Amino acid sequence: MAIESDQELVQNTLTGDLSAFKTLVNRHEGKVAGVVRSMLGQTAEAEDVGQEVFIRFYESLGKFRGDSAVSTYLTRIAINLSLNELKRRKRRFSLFASDDEATHVKAKDETHDLNEMLDMEFKRLEPEFRTVATLRLVEGYSTEETAEILNLPMGTVMSRLARAQKKLKEGLSKYLET
């Protein structure tokens, strides 16, 4: 049996073949989970958002024109839902609470490995920078793909990426100074 393309699976799902949708989910759940975890961290909310991505995708299948790849479409949904969750978090907790939480970690504490430090600094990025950095640096999308997913001009993507990298470098420098 030949492997069906994503577009064929979408068409089959639209005709009522739920196993086709399950195949789409299985094919793309790792990528979606990676994007959501990069944006929200390893949290229960991230799992909820990951599931919501596929619910939204299923509900919008009739509107999916196939102008972009299914993975691009799913990534766009994942980014949008993650940004919504970040806004909800911001409303729930004051900026002071997140700053106080961050100060509990000592800048030169040798118990933190590089991944933990990078993750901590990544979470401090403003959402528009974190989104671009997630897609380019973590998920490996090209600048063009990132611009398409976020519906932004390429110049904006490159600018935000440069600013994100600068902020990450500045944040990590306090850990790496000798």
Protein backbone atom coordinates (compact mmCIF):
# COMPACT_ATOMS: atom_id res chain seq x y z
CA MET A 1 0.00 0.00 0.00
CA ALA A 2 1.38 3.42 -0.98
CA ILE A 3 1.85 6.08 1.66
CA GLU A 4 -0.81 8.73 1.30
CA SER A 5 0.17 12.38 1.08
CA ASP A 6 -1.09 14.82 3.66
CA GLN A 7 -3.43 16.33 1.09
CA GLU A 8 -4.92 12.89 0.33
CA LEU A 9 -5.35 12.28 4.06
CA VAL A 10 -7.14 15.62 4.42
CA GLN A 11 -9.48 14.74 1.55
CA ASN A 12 -10.15 11.29 3.03
CA THR A 13 -10.87 12.83 6.43
CA LEU A 14 -13.35 15.21 4.81
CA THR A 15 -15.21 12.18 3.42
CA GLY A 16 -15.52 10.73 6.92
CA ASP A 17 -12.42 8.53 7.14
CA LEU A 18 -11.32 9.12 10.74
CA SER A 19 -8.37 6.75 10.37
CA ALA A 20 -6.97 9.23 7.82
CA PHE A 21 -7.16 11.98 10.44
CA LYS A 22 -5.49 9.70 12.98
CA THR A 23 -2.66 9.19 10.49
CA LEU A 24 -2.30 12.97 10.13
CA VAL A 25 -2.16 13.35 13.91
CA ASN A 26 0.44 10.60 14.25
CA ARG A 27 2.49 12.11 11.44
CA HIS A 28 2.55 15.64 12.88
CA GLU A 29 2.10 15.35 16.65
CA GLY A 30 5.85 15.40 17.37
CA LYS A 31 6.37 18.62 15.46
CA VAL A 32 3.34 20.27 17.08
CA ALA A 33 4.44 19.15 20.54
CA GLY A 34 7.92 20.54 19.93
CA VAL A 35 6.60 23.94 18.90
CA VAL A 36 4.21 24.16 21.83
CA ARG A 37 6.81 23.01 24.38
CA SER A 38 9.29 25.55 23.01
CA MET A 39 6.74 28.29 23.51
CA LEU A 40 5.20 27.20 26.83
CA GLY A 41 7.66 24.82 28.45
CA GLN A 42 6.96 21.30 29.66
CA THR A 43 3.63 22.07 31.34
CA ALA A 44 0.12 20.71 31.56
CA GLU A 45 -1.02 23.76 29.58
CA ALA A 46 1.38 22.79 26.80
CA GLU A 47 -0.24 19.35 26.58
CA ASP A 48 -3.69 20.94 26.49
CA VAL A 49 -2.64 23.36 23.76
CA GLY A 50 -1.11 20.51 21.76
CA GLN A 51 -4.41 18.65 21.83
CA GLU A 52 -6.34 21.81 21.03
CA VAL A 53 -4.21 22.29 17.90
CA PHE A 54 -5.58 19.08 16.41
CA ILE A 55 -9.12 19.85 17.51
CA ARG A 56 -8.92 23.22 15.77
CA PHE A 57 -7.34 21.61 12.73
CA TYR A 58 -10.12 19.05 12.50
CA GLU A 59 -12.79 21.73 12.88
CA SER A 60 -11.20 23.85 10.15
CA LEU A 61 -10.45 21.09 7.64
CA GLY A 62 -13.21 22.29 5.36
CA LYS A 63 -11.46 25.66 5.12
CA PHE A 64 -8.00 24.18 4.50
CA ARG A 65 -7.21 25.03 0.87
CA GLY A 66 -3.84 23.33 0.71
CA ASP A 67 -2.02 26.56 -0.20
CA SER A 68 0.55 25.65 2.43
CA ALA A 69 1.72 22.32 3.76
CA VAL A 70 -0.29 20.66 6.53
CA SER A 71 2.76 20.99 8.81
CA THR A 72 2.87 24.75 8.16
CA TYR A 73 -0.84 25.07 8.86
CA LEU A 74 -0.56 23.07 12.09
CA THR A 75 2.47 25.07 13.19
CA ARG A 76 0.55 28.30 12.61
CA ILE A 77 -2.31 27.00 14.78
CA ALA A 78 0.19 25.85 17.45
CA ILE A 79 1.90 29.25 17.54
CA ASN A 80 -1.40 31.14 17.74
CA LEU A 81 -2.77 28.96 20.54
CA SER A 82 0.55 29.17 22.40
CA LEU A 83 0.52 32.96 22.14
CA ASN A 84 -3.04 32.96 23.48
CA GLU A 85 -1.89 30.84 26.44
CA LEU A 86 1.02 33.19 27.10
CA LYS A 87 -1.44 36.11 27.18
CA ARG A 88 -3.63 34.18 29.64
CA ARG A 89 -0.59 33.50 31.83
CA LYS A 90 0.37 37.14 31.75
CA ARG A 91 -3.10 38.13 32.93
CA ARG A 92 -3.01 35.51 35.69
CA PHE A 93 0.36 36.46 37.09
CA SER A 94 1.78 39.92 37.45
CA LEU A 95 5.09 40.71 35.86
CA PHE A 96 6.53 41.05 39.35
CA ALA A 97 5.70 37.46 40.19
CA SER A 98 7.56 36.15 37.16
CA ASP A 99 10.54 38.43 37.96
CA ASP A 100 10.61 37.23 41.59
CA GLU A 101 10.44 33.65 40.39
CA ALA A 102 13.38 34.23 38.09
CA THR A 103 15.51 35.73 40.88
CA HIS A 104 15.41 32.45 42.80
CA VAL A 105 17.95 31.10 40.35
CA LYS A 106 21.42 32.33 41.10
CA ALA A 107 23.21 33.65 38.05
CA LYS A 108 26.40 31.66 38.55
CA ASP A 109 24.89 28.57 40.14
CA GLU A 110 26.92 25.70 38.74
CA THR A 111 24.12 23.20 39.31
CA HIS A 112 22.33 24.44 36.20
CA ASP A 113 23.39 22.84 32.97
CA LEU A 114 23.48 24.78 29.71
CA ASN A 115 20.11 23.47 28.54
CA GLU A 116 18.39 24.65 31.72
CA MET A 117 19.99 28.07 31.42
CA LEU A 118 19.03 28.36 27.76
CA ASP A 119 15.48 27.26 28.52
CA MET A 120 15.22 29.83 31.30
CA GLU A 121 16.47 32.64 29.07
CA PHE A 122 14.24 31.47 26.22
CA LYS A 123 11.19 31.80 28.48
CA ARG A 124 12.17 35.37 29.30
CA LEU A 125 11.93 36.42 25.66
CA GLU A 126 8.90 38.46 24.72
CA PRO A 127 6.38 36.35 22.77
CA GLU A 128 7.08 37.90 19.36
CA PHE A 129 10.78 37.11 19.72
CA ARG A 130 10.21 33.69 21.28
CA THR A 131 7.91 32.72 18.41
CA VAL A 132 10.48 33.53 15.74
CA ALA A 133 13.32 31.95 17.73
CA THR A 134 11.26 28.80 18.30
CA LEU A 135 10.51 28.34 14.63
CA ARG A 136 14.02 29.20 13.37
CA LEU A 137 16.35 27.94 16.10
CA VAL A 138 14.42 25.10 17.71
CA GLU A 139 12.21 23.75 14.93
CA GLY A 140 14.63 24.52 12.08
CA TYR A 141 12.24 26.31 9.74
CA SER A 142 13.85 28.58 7.16
CA THR A 143 13.36 32.33 7.32
CA GLU A 144 10.90 32.10 4.43
CA GLU A 145 8.90 29.33 6.12
CA THR A 146 8.87 31.26 9.39
CA ALA A 147 7.60 34.35 7.59
CA GLU A 148 4.87 32.28 5.93
CA ILE A 149 3.80 30.59 9.17
CA LEU A 150 3.62 33.88 11.06
CA ASN A 151 2.32 35.87 8.09
CA LEU A 152 5.12 38.41 8.55
CA PRO A 153 7.54 40.06 6.11
CA MET A 154 10.93 38.35 5.93
CA GLY A 155 12.64 41.52 7.17
CA THR A 156 10.53 41.44 10.33
CA VAL A 157 11.41 37.79 10.91
CA MET A 158 15.13 38.49 10.45
CA SER A 159 14.97 41.52 12.75
CA ARG A 160 13.11 39.64 15.48
CA LEU A 161 15.48 36.70 15.19
CA ALA A 162 18.49 38.98 15.53
CA ARG A 163 16.98 40.67 18.59
CA ALA A 164 16.05 37.30 20.12
CA GLN A 165 19.57 35.98 19.60
CA LYS A 166 21.03 39.16 21.13
CA LYS A 167 18.75 38.85 24.17
CA LEU A 168 19.60 35.16 24.56
CA LYS A 169 23.32 35.92 24.33
CA GLU A 170 23.03 38.71 26.89
CA GLY A 171 21.01 36.50 29.22
CA LEU A 172 23.37 33.56 28.93
CA SER A 173 26.47 35.71 29.40
CA LYS A 174 25.74 36.08 33.12
CA TYR A 175 25.92 32.29 33.46
CA LEU A 176 28.97 31.84 31.31
CA GLU A 177 31.18 34.64 32.64
CA THR A 178 34.25 33.52 34.55
